[in-house]
Protein backbone atom coordinates (compact mmCIF):
# COMPACT_ATOMS: atom_id res chain seq x y z
CA UNK A 1 0.00 0.00 0.00
CA UNK A 2 1.16 3.52 -0.77
CA UNK A 3 2.78 5.07 2.34
CA UNK A 4 1.00 8.39 1.77
CA UNK A 5 -2.38 6.64 1.66
CA UNK A 6 -1.52 4.65 4.80
CA UNK A 7 -0.71 7.84 6.72
CA UNK A 8 -3.96 9.41 5.53
CA UNK A 9 -5.94 6.41 6.69
CA UNK A 10 -4.22 6.43 10.07
CA UNK A 11 -4.92 10.13 10.46
CA UNK A 12 -8.58 9.58 9.56
CA UNK A 13 -8.89 6.70 12.04
CA UNK A 14 -7.23 8.74 14.76
CA UNK A 15 -9.62 11.63 14.13
CA UNK A 16 -12.66 9.33 14.24
CA UNK A 17 -11.39 7.69 17.45
CA UNK A 18 -10.69 11.05 19.10
CA UNK A 19 -14.12 12.39 18.18
CA UNK A 20 -15.83 9.24 19.44
CA UNK A 21 -13.97 9.37 22.76
CA UNK A 22 -14.64 13.10 23.12
CA UNK A 23 -18.38 12.72 22.73
CA UNK A 24 -18.58 9.39 24.58
CA UNK A 25 -17.26 11.20 27.67
CA UNK A 26 -20.66 12.70 28.12
CA UNK A 27 -20.40 13.49 31.81
CA UNK A 28 -20.92 17.23 31.43
CA UNK A 29 -23.61 18.93 29.37
CA UNK A 30 -22.68 21.83 27.10
CA UNK A 31 -26.13 23.39 27.51
CA UNK A 32 -27.06 23.16 31.22
CA UNK A 33 -24.87 22.73 34.30
CA UNK A 34 -26.30 23.54 37.74
CA UNK A 35 -22.98 23.51 39.59
CA UNK A 36 -21.52 27.02 39.40
CA UNK A 37 -18.04 25.75 40.33
CA UNK A 38 -17.66 28.18 43.23
CA UNK A 39 -19.47 26.31 45.99
CA UNK A 40 -22.91 27.43 44.81
CA UNK A 41 -25.52 26.02 42.45
CA UNK A 42 -28.35 27.34 40.31
CA UNK A 43 -31.85 26.03 39.81
CA UNK A 44 -33.06 23.96 38.15
CA UNK A 45 -30.49 21.34 39.10
CA UNK A 46 -31.79 19.31 36.12
CA UNK A 47 -33.35 21.27 33.25
CA UNK A 48 -35.13 18.21 31.91
CA UNK A 49 -38.43 16.44 32.40
CA UNK A 50 -37.93 14.31 35.51
CA UNK A 51 -41.48 14.70 36.71
CA UNK A 52 -42.62 14.05 40.30
CA UNK A 53 -39.08 13.45 41.58
CA UNK A 54 -38.45 11.47 44.74
CA UNK A 55 -35.06 11.02 46.41
CA UNK A 56 -33.57 8.80 49.11
CA UNK A 57 -30.19 8.84 50.83
CA UNK A 58 -28.24 5.61 51.34
CA UNK A 59 -25.07 6.39 53.28
CA UNK A 60 -23.16 9.01 51.28
CA UNK A 61 -25.17 8.47 48.11
CA UNK A 62 -28.45 9.94 46.87
CA UNK A 63 -30.81 8.25 44.43
CA UNK A 64 -33.66 9.83 42.51
CA UNK A 65 -36.55 8.36 40.57
CA UNK A 66 -39.36 10.05 38.67
CA UNK A 67 -42.57 9.48 36.76
CA UNK A 68 -42.15 8.02 33.29
CA UNK A 69 -45.78 7.55 32.15
CA UNK A 70 -45.83 5.60 28.86
CA UNK A 71 -42.10 6.01 28.09
CA UNK A 72 -39.99 2.84 28.24
CA UNK A 73 -37.65 1.97 29.87
CA UNK A 74 -39.43 3.54 32.82
CA UNK A 75 -38.72 4.67 36.37
CA UNK A 76 -35.36 6.37 35.73
CA UNK A 77 -32.72 6.01 38.44
CA UNK A 78 -30.31 8.91 38.94
CA UNK A 79 -27.37 9.07 41.33
CA UNK A 80 -25.68 11.99 43.09
CA UNK A 81 -23.06 12.53 45.75
CA UNK A 82 -23.99 16.14 46.50
CA UNK A 83 -27.67 16.65 45.47
CA UNK A 84 -26.60 19.06 42.70
CA UNK A 85 -24.74 16.88 40.18
CA UNK A 86 -26.84 13.97 38.90
CA UNK A 87 -26.07 11.12 36.53
CA UNK A 88 -28.61 8.76 34.99
CA UNK A 89 -27.52 5.23 35.94
CA UNK A 90 -30.44 3.08 34.81
CA UNK A 91 -34.13 2.28 34.98
CA UNK A 92 -36.22 0.13 37.28
CA UNK A 93 -38.64 -0.92 34.50
CA UNK A 94 -37.14 -2.40 31.35
CA UNK A 95 -40.68 -3.08 30.14
CA UNK A 96 -43.97 -1.90 31.58
CA UNK A 97 -46.68 -4.30 32.74
CA UNK A 98 -49.29 -5.33 31.79
CA UNK A 99 -47.34 -6.01 28.58
CA UNK A 100 -50.39 -6.49 26.37
CA UNK A 101 -51.46 -2.95 27.30
CA UNK A 102 -48.14 -1.11 27.09
CA UNK A 103 -46.94 -2.75 23.89
CA UNK A 104 -48.84 0.11 22.24
CA UNK A 105 -48.58 3.81 23.20
CA UNK A 106 -50.63 4.78 26.25
CA UNK A 107 -50.02 8.51 26.42
CA UNK A 108 -50.39 9.90 29.94
CA UNK A 109 -50.96 6.46 31.45
CA UNK A 110 -48.46 4.12 33.07
CA UNK A 111 -46.02 5.23 35.77
CA UNK A 112 -47.27 8.20 37.77
CA UNK A 113 -45.55 9.69 40.86
CA UNK A 114 -43.28 7.03 42.43
CA UNK A 115 -41.61 6.84 45.84
CA UNK A 116 -38.11 5.43 46.42
CA UNK A 117 -36.99 4.23 49.86
CA UNK A 118 -34.00 2.40 51.38
CA UNK A 119 -34.88 -0.19 54.01
CA UNK A 120 -32.96 -3.20 55.37
CA UNK A 121 -30.24 -2.77 52.74
CA UNK A 122 -32.75 -2.85 49.90
CA UNK A 123 -34.14 -0.17 47.64
CA UNK A 124 -37.92 -0.07 47.27
CA UNK A 125 -39.92 1.78 44.66
CA UNK A 126 -43.67 1.98 45.07
CA UNK A 127 -45.26 3.36 41.93
CA UNK A 128 -48.85 3.87 40.82
CA UNK A 129 -50.53 3.02 37.57
CA UNK A 130 -53.83 4.94 37.72
CA UNK A 131 -55.63 2.24 35.74
CA UNK A 132 -54.38 -0.80 37.67
CA UNK A 133 -53.17 0.13 41.16
CA UNK A 134 -50.01 0.38 43.25
CA UNK A 135 -46.93 -1.67 42.36
CA UNK A 136 -43.67 -2.49 44.14
CA UNK A 137 -40.25 -3.25 42.67
CA UNK A 138 -37.04 -3.81 44.68
CA UNK A 139 -33.27 -3.97 44.16
CA UNK A 140 -30.10 -4.37 46.20
CA UNK A 141 -28.20 -2.32 43.62
CA UNK A 142 -30.07 0.82 42.48
CA UNK A 143 -28.44 0.54 39.05
CA UNK A 144 -30.31 -2.75 38.70
CA UNK A 145 -31.49 -5.34 38.18
CA UNK A 146 -34.85 -4.53 39.76
CA UNK A 147 -37.41 -7.19 40.62
CA UNK A 148 -40.49 -7.86 38.53
CA UNK A 149 -43.18 -5.46 39.78
CA UNK A 150 -45.85 -6.94 42.01
CA UNK A 151 -49.31 -5.42 42.44
CA UNK A 152 -49.50 -4.44 46.12
CA UNK A 153 -52.93 -2.84 46.02
CA UNK A 154 -55.13 -3.10 42.97
CA UNK A 155 -57.70 -0.46 42.16
CA UNK A 156 -58.53 2.09 39.50
CA UNK A 157 -57.53 5.61 40.45
CA UNK A 158 -55.10 4.78 43.28
CA UNK A 159 -52.03 7.01 42.91
CA UNK A 160 -48.94 8.47 44.56
CA UNK A 161 -48.02 5.83 47.18
CA UNK A 162 -45.43 6.37 49.89
CA UNK A 163 -44.48 3.80 52.57
CA UNK A 164 -43.42 4.28 56.19
CA UNK A 165 -41.68 1.67 58.34
CA UNK A 166 -42.66 2.62 61.89
CA UNK A 167 -40.58 2.20 65.06
CA UNK A 168 -42.70 -0.77 66.19
CA UNK A 169 -42.08 -2.71 62.99
CA UNK A 170 -45.44 -1.95 61.41
CA UNK A 171 -45.59 -0.78 57.79
CA UNK A 172 -47.98 1.83 56.45
CA UNK A 173 -48.77 3.29 53.04
CA UNK A 174 -50.23 6.67 52.24
CA UNK A 175 -51.76 7.35 48.83
CA UNK A 176 -54.17 9.61 46.95
CA UNK A 177 -56.82 9.36 44.23
CA UNK A 178 -56.90 10.35 40.57
CA UNK A 179 -60.25 11.99 39.97
CA UNK A 180 -60.10 11.03 36.28
CA UNK A 181 -60.34 7.36 37.25
CA UNK A 182 -61.69 7.09 40.78
CA UNK A 183 -64.14 10.01 40.46
CA UNK A 184 -62.82 10.93 43.92
CA UNK A 185 -59.96 13.36 44.61
CA UNK A 186 -58.41 15.80 47.09
CA UNK A 187 -58.25 13.32 49.97
CA UNK A 188 -55.30 11.39 51.41
CA UNK A 189 -55.45 7.84 52.75
CA UNK A 190 -53.36 5.65 55.07
CA UNK A 191 -53.40 1.85 55.10
CA UNK A 192 -51.37 -0.71 57.01
CA UNK A 193 -49.34 -3.23 55.00
CA UNK A 194 -47.91 -6.60 55.94
CA UNK A 195 -44.34 -6.74 57.28
CA UNK A 196 -42.96 -7.31 53.78
CA UNK A 197 -44.80 -4.26 52.45
CA UNK A 198 -46.39 -6.37 49.73
CA UNK A 199 -50.09 -6.57 50.70
CA UNK A 200 -52.66 -4.44 52.56
CA UNK A 201 -53.97 -5.22 56.04
CA UNK A 202 -57.40 -4.08 57.16
CA UNK A 203 -59.22 -1.00 55.95
CA UNK A 204 -58.05 2.20 54.33
CA UNK A 205 -58.43 5.32 56.49
CA UNK A 206 -58.96 8.85 55.21
CA UNK A 207 -56.58 11.10 57.16
CA UNK A 208 -57.02 14.40 55.29
CA UNK A 209 -59.68 16.12 53.19
CA UNK A 210 -58.28 19.02 51.17
CA UNK A 211 -61.44 20.12 49.36
CA UNK A 212 -61.94 23.32 51.35
CA UNK A 213 -58.47 24.89 51.51
CA UNK A 214 -56.18 22.55 49.57
CA UNK A 215 -57.91 21.28 46.42
CA UNK A 216 -56.18 18.62 44.34
CA UNK A 217 -54.04 17.53 47.27
CA UNK A 218 -52.03 14.54 46.04
CA UNK A 219 -48.46 13.19 45.83
CA UNK A 220 -48.08 12.46 49.57
CA UNK A 221 -44.69 11.51 51.02
CA UNK A 222 -44.59 9.82 54.46
CA UNK A 223 -41.94 10.60 57.11
CA UNK A 224 -41.48 10.42 60.89
CA UNK A 225 -39.45 12.86 63.01
CA UNK A 226 -39.36 13.75 66.72
CA UNK A 227 -42.45 11.63 67.41
CA UNK A 228 -44.50 13.31 64.67
CA UNK A 229 -45.82 11.61 61.57
CA UNK A 230 -45.44 13.94 58.58
CA UNK A 231 -47.13 13.87 55.21
CA UNK A 232 -45.61 16.24 52.67
CA UNK A 233 -48.16 16.79 49.90
CA UNK A 234 -48.57 19.22 46.99
CA UNK A 235 -51.91 20.97 46.58
CA UNK A 236 -53.52 23.53 44.32
CA UNK A 237 -52.57 22.05 40.95
CA UNK A 238 -49.40 21.21 39.05
CA UNK A 239 -48.52 24.69 37.77
CA UNK A 240 -50.41 26.84 40.28
CA UNK A 241 -50.07 25.11 43.64
CA UNK A 242 -48.08 25.11 46.87
CA UNK A 243 -46.32 22.69 49.23
CA UNK A 244 -48.46 21.50 52.12
CA UNK A 245 -47.20 19.60 55.17
CA UNK A 246 -49.40 17.67 57.61
CA UNK A 247 -48.30 16.42 61.04
CA UNK A 248 -49.78 14.29 63.79
CA UNK A 249 -48.71 12.26 66.83
CA UNK A 250 -51.03 9.47 65.62
CA UNK A 251 -50.55 7.87 62.23
CA UNK A 252 -54.29 8.03 61.55
CA UNK A 253 -54.57 11.65 62.66
CA UNK A 254 -56.01 14.11 63.20
CA UNK A 255 -53.37 15.99 61.23
CA UNK A 256 -52.48 19.66 61.60
CA UNK A 257 -51.79 21.47 58.32
CA UNK A 258 -49.39 24.17 57.21
CA UNK A 259 -48.29 25.62 53.86
CA UNK A 260 -44.48 25.59 53.97
CA UNK A 261 -43.56 26.83 50.46
CA UNK A 262 -45.27 28.69 47.64
CA UNK A 263 -44.29 30.67 44.57
CA UNK A 264 -44.43 34.00 46.39
CA UNK A 265 -42.72 36.77 44.43
CA UNK A 266 -40.63 34.36 42.34
CA UNK A 267 -41.09 33.10 38.78
CA UNK A 268 -40.90 29.47 39.91
CA UNK A 269 -44.49 28.34 39.56
CA UNK A 270 -46.07 25.35 41.29
CA UNK A 271 -43.12 24.70 43.61
CA UNK A 272 -44.15 21.41 45.13
CA UNK A 273 -44.22 17.59 44.85
CA UNK A 274 -40.94 16.10 45.87
CA UNK A 275 -38.68 14.80 48.58
CA UNK A 276 -37.27 15.82 51.94
CA UNK A 277 -33.65 14.68 52.22
CA UNK A 278 -31.13 15.03 55.04
CA UNK A 279 -27.35 14.96 54.78
CA UNK A 280 -24.93 13.22 57.11
CA UNK A 281 -23.78 16.69 58.18
CA UNK A 282 -27.27 17.40 59.53
CA UNK A 283 -28.60 19.68 56.79
CA UNK A 284 -32.11 19.38 55.35
CA UNK A 285 -33.06 19.87 51.69
CA UNK A 286 -36.10 19.53 49.48
CA UNK A 287 -36.20 18.48 45.82
CA UNK A 288 -39.28 19.35 43.74
CA UNK A 289 -40.35 20.14 40.20
CA UNK A 290 -41.48 23.20 38.28
CA UNK A 291 -43.86 22.79 35.34
CA UNK A 292 -42.26 24.50 32.34
CA UNK A 293 -44.66 23.51 29.54
CA UNK A 294 -42.75 22.06 26.56
CA UNK A 295 -39.60 21.63 28.68
CA UNK A 296 -41.50 19.38 31.07
CA UNK A 297 -41.34 19.25 34.84
CA UNK A 298 -37.81 20.36 35.64
CA UNK A 299 -36.05 19.64 38.95
CA UNK A 300 -35.20 22.17 41.67
CA UNK A 301 -33.29 21.92 44.97
CA UNK A 302 -34.32 24.05 47.96
CA UNK A 303 -32.74 24.58 51.36
CA UNK A 304 -34.97 23.50 54.22
CA UNK A 305 -34.98 24.01 57.99
CA UNK A 306 -37.14 22.98 60.93
CA UNK A 307 -38.84 25.62 63.08
CA UNK A 308 -40.97 24.39 66.01
CA UNK A 309 -41.22 20.96 64.36
CA UNK A 310 -42.49 22.42 61.10
CA UNK A 311 -40.38 22.47 57.93
CA UNK A 312 -39.74 25.73 56.11
CA UNK A 313 -38.71 25.15 52.48
CA UNK A 314 -36.79 27.77 50.52
CA UNK A 315 -36.12 31.23 51.94
CA UNK A 316 -38.62 32.81 54.35
CA UNK A 317 -37.87 36.51 53.96
CA UNK A 318 -40.87 37.79 55.93
CA UNK A 319 -40.74 35.19 58.72
CA UNK A 320 -44.27 33.88 58.23
CA UNK A 321 -43.11 30.26 58.05
CA UNK A 322 -43.79 29.98 54.30
CA UNK A 323 -40.68 29.78 52.15
CA UNK A 324 -40.10 30.84 48.56
CA UNK A 325 -37.87 28.96 46.12
CA UNK A 326 -34.32 30.08 45.42
CA UNK A 327 -32.57 30.47 42.08
CA UNK A 328 -29.03 30.19 43.48
CA UNK A 329 -27.74 28.97 46.82
CA UNK A 330 -24.76 27.46 48.61
CA UNK A 331 -24.31 23.78 47.77
CA UNK A 332 -25.15 21.14 50.39
CA UNK A 333 -22.44 20.26 52.89
CA UNK A 334 -21.69 16.62 52.07
CA UNK A 335 -18.15 16.59 53.47
CA UNK A 336 -16.37 16.67 50.11
CA UNK A 337 -16.35 18.25 46.66
CA UNK A 338 -17.38 16.02 43.79
CA UNK A 339 -16.92 16.30 40.01
CA UNK A 340 -19.53 17.99 37.84
CA UNK A 341 -21.74 15.43 36.11
CA UNK A 342 -25.02 15.69 34.20
CA UNK A 343 -27.49 13.25 32.62
CA UNK A 344 -26.34 12.03 29.17
CA UNK A 345 -27.36 13.89 26.00
CA UNK A 346 -24.95 12.88 23.22
CA UNK A 347 -24.53 9.44 21.72
CA UNK A 348 -21.94 8.14 19.27
CA UNK A 349 -23.80 4.78 19.05
CA UNK A 350 -20.50 2.91 19.18
CA UNK A 351 -21.28 0.41 21.90
CA UNK A 352 -23.40 -2.66 22.44
CA UNK A 353 -26.13 -0.60 24.14
CA UNK A 354 -27.84 2.72 23.68
CA UNK A 355 -26.89 5.53 26.02
CA UNK A 356 -29.31 5.73 28.91
CA UNK A 357 -31.23 8.85 27.88
CA UNK A 358 -33.22 7.02 25.20
CA UNK A 359 -36.80 5.86 25.66
CA UNK A 360 -39.44 4.42 23.35
CA UNK A 361 -43.09 5.49 23.39
CA UNK A 362 -44.18 1.93 24.27
CA UNK A 363 -42.63 -1.39 25.23
CA UNK A 364 -39.95 -2.02 22.60
CA UNK A 365 -39.77 -4.98 20.24
CA UNK A 366 -36.48 -6.35 18.92
CA UNK A 367 -37.59 -5.50 15.38
CA UNK A 368 -37.66 -1.76 16.11
CA UNK A 369 -33.90 -1.44 16.13
CA UNK A 370 -30.61 -2.63 17.56
CA UNK A 371 -27.05 -1.50 18.21
CA UNK A 372 -24.35 -2.61 15.81
CA UNK A 373 -21.58 -2.96 18.36
CA UNK A 374 -18.21 -2.08 16.84
CA UNK A 375 -19.76 -1.04 13.52
CA UNK A 376 -20.52 2.31 15.12
CA UNK A 377 -24.19 3.04 14.56
CA UNK A 378 -27.66 2.27 15.86
CA UNK A 379 -29.95 0.71 13.28
CA UNK A 380 -33.65 1.50 13.10
CA UNK A 381 -35.89 -0.60 10.89
CA UNK A 382 -38.79 0.91 8.97
CA UNK A 383 -41.74 -0.53 10.87
CA UNK A 384 -45.24 -0.69 9.39
CA UNK A 385 -47.37 2.25 10.50
CA UNK A 386 -50.13 1.21 12.92
CA UNK A 387 -53.38 0.42 11.17
CA UNK A 388 -55.66 3.44 10.73
CA UNK A 389 -53.11 5.79 12.33
CA UNK A 390 -53.29 9.44 11.30
CA UNK A 391 -49.83 10.30 12.53
CA UNK A 392 -47.24 9.65 15.20
CA UNK A 393 -49.57 9.61 18.22
CA UNK A 394 -50.20 5.89 17.70
CA UNK A 395 -46.60 5.00 16.72
CA UNK A 396 -44.65 2.94 19.31
CA UNK A 397 -41.20 2.91 17.69
CA UNK A 398 -40.27 6.52 18.36
CA UNK A 399 -36.79 6.64 19.89
CA UNK A 400 -36.68 9.86 21.90
CA UNK A 401 -34.89 11.80 24.63
CA UNK A 402 -35.88 14.76 26.81
CA UNK A 403 -35.16 18.40 26.06
CA UNK A 404 -31.96 19.09 28.10
CA UNK A 405 -32.09 22.89 28.39
CA UNK A 406 -34.03 25.99 27.42
CA UNK A 407 -31.78 26.58 24.42
CA UNK A 408 -29.77 23.99 22.53
CA UNK A 409 -28.95 22.59 19.11
CA UNK A 410 -29.24 18.89 18.29
CA UNK A 411 -27.33 17.69 15.24
CA UNK A 412 -27.36 14.13 13.92
CA UNK A 413 -25.98 12.12 11.03
CA UNK A 414 -28.03 9.37 9.35
CA UNK A 415 -27.62 6.90 6.53
CA UNK A 416 -30.91 5.77 4.96
CA UNK A 417 -31.33 2.55 2.95
CA UNK A 418 -34.94 2.29 1.74
CA UNK A 419 -36.07 -0.97 0.17
CA UNK A 420 -39.68 -0.24 -0.80
CA UNK A 421 -41.77 2.74 -1.79
CA UNK A 422 -43.02 5.12 0.94
CA UNK A 423 -40.40 4.21 3.53
CA UNK A 424 -39.45 7.23 5.59
CA UNK A 425 -37.08 8.18 8.38
CA UNK A 426 -36.31 11.41 10.15
CA UNK A 427 -35.66 13.65 13.13
CA UNK A 428 -38.72 14.65 15.14
CA UNK A 429 -39.72 17.03 17.93
CA UNK A 430 -42.60 15.15 19.54
CA UNK A 431 -45.49 16.46 21.62
CA UNK A 432 -49.21 17.09 21.24
CA UNK A 433 -48.01 19.22 18.33
CA UNK A 434 -45.07 17.68 16.51
CA UNK A 435 -42.86 18.36 13.54
CA UNK A 436 -40.21 16.37 11.71
CA UNK A 437 -37.64 16.62 8.96
CA UNK A 438 -37.24 13.45 6.94
CA UNK A 439 -36.13 11.50 3.91
CA UNK A 440 -38.86 9.55 2.12
CA UNK A 441 -38.61 7.26 -0.89
CA UNK A 442 -41.38 8.10 -3.36
CA UNK A 443 -41.58 7.10 -7.03
CA UNK A 444 -37.92 6.09 -7.11
CA UNK A 445 -36.87 9.49 -5.81
CA UNK A 446 -35.66 10.61 -2.40
CA UNK A 447 -37.69 13.48 -1.00
CA UNK A 448 -36.54 15.79 1.77
CA UNK A 449 -39.68 16.75 3.70
CA UNK A 450 -40.76 18.83 6.70
CA UNK A 451 -44.11 17.81 8.14
CA UNK A 452 -46.15 19.23 11.02
CA UNK A 453 -49.10 17.93 12.98
CA UNK A 454 -51.08 20.06 15.41
CA UNK A 455 -53.34 18.60 18.10
CA UNK A 456 -52.13 15.06 17.49
CA UNK A 457 -53.84 13.72 20.63
CA UNK A 458 -57.26 14.82 19.44
CA UNK A 459 -56.94 13.60 15.86
CA UNK A 460 -54.97 16.33 14.12
CA UNK A 461 -53.65 15.45 10.67
CA UNK A 462 -50.19 15.94 9.20
CA UNK A 463 -49.43 18.87 6.91
CA UNK A 464 -46.42 18.98 4.60
CA UNK A 465 -44.58 22.29 5.02
CA UNK A 466 -41.64 21.66 2.71
CA UNK A 467 -40.50 19.20 0.06
CA UNK A 468 -37.58 18.92 -2.37
CA UNK A 469 -35.69 16.17 -4.12
CA UNK A 470 -32.55 15.09 -2.30
CA UNK A 471 -29.57 13.38 -3.93
CA UNK A 472 -28.01 10.62 -1.87
CA UNK A 473 -28.91 8.70 1.28
CA UNK A 474 -26.44 10.13 3.84
CA UNK A 475 -27.79 13.24 5.50
CA UNK A 476 -27.28 15.54 8.49
CA UNK A 477 -30.30 16.94 10.33
CA UNK A 478 -30.27 19.80 12.81
CA UNK A 479 -32.90 21.13 15.20
CA UNK A 480 -32.26 24.45 16.92
CA UNK A 481 -34.33 25.13 20.05
CA UNK A 482 -34.58 28.72 21.25
CA UNK A 483 -36.28 30.28 24.28
CA UNK A 484 -39.97 29.59 24.30
CA UNK A 485 -39.31 26.13 22.82
CA UNK A 486 -39.19 27.59 19.31
CA UNK A 487 -37.71 24.94 17.02
CA UNK A 488 -36.19 25.38 13.57
CA UNK A 489 -35.24 22.47 11.29
CA UNK A 490 -32.38 22.26 8.80
CA UNK A 491 -30.42 19.72 6.76
CA UNK A 492 -27.05 19.27 5.09
CA UNK A 493 -25.41 16.83 2.71
CA UNK A 494 -21.92 17.42 4.11
CA UNK A 495 -22.42 18.42 7.75
CA UNK A 496 -20.99 21.91 7.15
CA UNK A 497 -23.48 23.97 5.21
CA UNK A 498 -27.05 23.64 6.52
CA UNK A 499 -30.23 24.79 4.83
CA UNK A 500 -33.26 25.69 6.95
CA UNK A 501 -36.48 24.07 5.78
CA UNK A 502 -40.13 24.61 6.64
CA UNK A 503 -41.60 26.85 9.29
CA UNK A 504 -40.57 27.02 12.93
CA UNK A 505 -42.45 24.93 15.47
CA UNK A 506 -43.40 26.14 18.92
CA UNK A 507 -42.97 22.83 20.72
CA UNK A 508 -45.76 21.61 22.97
CA UNK A 509 -45.70 19.09 25.80
CA UNK A 510 -46.99 15.58 25.34
CA UNK A 511 -49.54 14.03 27.68
CA UNK A 512 -48.10 14.89 31.13
CA UNK A 513 -44.56 14.90 29.66
CA UNK A 514 -42.36 17.52 28.06
CA UNK A 515 -41.57 17.66 24.37
CA UNK A 516 -38.95 15.15 23.24
CA UNK A 517 -36.53 14.88 20.35
CA UNK A 518 -35.37 11.83 18.41
CA UNK A 519 -35.99 9.45 15.57
CA UNK A 520 -38.56 7.47 13.62
CA UNK A 521 -38.45 4.90 10.82
CA UNK A 522 -41.74 3.86 9.16
CA UNK A 523 -43.21 2.27 6.08
CA UNK A 524 -46.60 1.57 4.58
CA UNK A 525 -47.66 -1.98 3.80
CA UNK A 526 -46.28 -5.33 4.91
CA UNK A 527 -43.24 -6.86 3.19
CA UNK A 528 -40.78 -9.58 4.22
CA UNK A 529 -38.01 -7.07 4.76
CA UNK A 530 -37.66 -3.42 5.61
CA UNK A 531 -35.60 -0.40 4.82
CA UNK A 532 -33.19 0.77 7.48
CA UNK A 533 -31.61 3.90 8.86
CA UNK A 534 -28.22 3.82 10.56
CA UNK A 535 -27.83 6.60 13.13
CA UNK A 536 -24.17 7.55 13.27
CA UNK A 537 -24.29 10.07 16.09
CA UNK A 538 -26.24 12.82 17.86
CA UNK A 539 -24.56 15.83 19.50
CA UNK A 540 -26.15 18.47 21.71
CA UNK A 541 -24.50 21.87 21.81
CA UNK A 542 -25.16 25.59 22.25
CA UNK A 543 -23.67 26.46 18.88
CA UNK A 544 -26.12 27.36 16.16
C-alpha cells in the first residue's frame, strides 16, 4: 500500500477515534450545568423532564426516581453525591406491565408519581398506575437489576403511594386518588401493609380532606421525626399550587396542616411535589419540580430548615413560616467536593447498548432497532405504520430523549437505505403538536420533507410544510431550540453547510410529559423485509 495513503488512513482513524472518545465522555452537558463551580448552584439542578421526583439517601449516596408515564424503559434512576450533580444510571422498569397494554402507546398512562426508599439494605420503589393500582419493585443495587413489579394494592384511580416503616415494625402506606379514574380526589389515605410491604392489612383510612383549603391535594410523602408523623403533599394544581405539610402524633390523625412553600414573588411556579432529604452533616433539603410547559417538569433543589417541628422550604424573607424557592444557593455540605456530572445527552452509538437517555413510546420490540456494536451506529428498521393511524400519536417505535435545556442545538448524522416505496425516516420534535424533517422514498426518488401535525392527541392530521428532491442517502439533520421552545429544522449533505427548511415549530408538551426529540423509521404496507436507517451520532450543543 502507498505510504502516503496509509498515513492518511491512520490520520482519519485517529480523528474518528478522538471524536468518538470526546463525545462518549458525556459526563458534562454543554447546555445546562447547575454547579456554578464556586461552591454554589443554580436552579433547576436538572433542566429536563424528571417529573414528580423522589429522592432517598443511602449512606453518602443519593438516588432519585421520577414518573415516566408511557415512556420505556421507565422509572429512571439517577445518582448523586452532593444533590446538585446527577447522573442517569439506569431504569427500574425495562418493560412496563401489563405487557399487552403497554406494547402500544398509552399517552399519559403508566407510571405516575413514584416513591423510592432504602430499608434493610434494599431499595424499594412503590409506583402507581392509575388504571391498575399500586406496584412495588425492589433492588439491592439501584443501578439494577430490579425485581419484577408486584401489584400491592389493585384499584382504579389509586395514585402516589409512599411507605413508612414505623418504630414498632409496622408498615404503612399513604396514597391519593386520581379523579379522572376514581371520580374521587383531594383526599389522602393511610393503610397498614404486611411486614414485607407487599399486601394491605385491614381497611383504608382517610386522614385528610383538602377540598376546602387545599384542592387537588395529592403526591403524599410519608416521614417520621421527633415523634410526629409527617405527610408532605402538593396541593392547588401542578402549575399553580403550593407545598403543604401535615403532622400528627397518631398515624391516623387528626393531622395539623401548614403551607411551607409557595411561589411568592418568584417566577418558579407550582413549587411542590418532591422529597425531603437530610445529609450526614445534619442539613435538610427539598427536591421538587417546576412545570415549564414544553420543557417538562424540571427539577429544583431548595434549602430546608425545621422551626418548632415544622419544615420551612426555601427562603422565608418575611418570617411567616412559608418559604419561597431560590434560584441560586450554597451547595449542600456533604463533606467533600465532587466532580460535575449531568445526565447524558450525546450518543456516538459505538457500543453494544444505547446511552441511557433514550426511551421508546411503548414497550420495545427487537424489530424496532438494535445497536451494531463495533460497527458504530444504531440501526432503526422501517416498521409498518399502525393500522388506521393518522400520525405519530399511535406510533410505538419513536426513539426519543428529553429536552436538556431551554436553548440547545441537536445535530445528527443518518444513513438511509430504503427498500420499498413510501419508507421514511427522520428527526422529530414530539409532543401534542409535533414536527419532523425526513427522507422519504417516493416514485424512485428521495424526498426531503418537513411535516407538522397540530393537536395530534385529538386527531390532528399531518401537513407537509416543505419538500424537495434530495440526492443521496447520507444526511445531516439539525434542530435548533430557542427560548420559548421555538424549534427550527435544517439539513445538510456534508455536515458543514445547513439549509433551513419549513416553518418554525413552537414545541408543545406531550400528555403529562415535556416535548422530546429523536428518531422514527416507518413504512406503509407489509413486506418480508424493511428499509433501514443507521444513526451515526447525535450531539447536543449551544452552537447554532
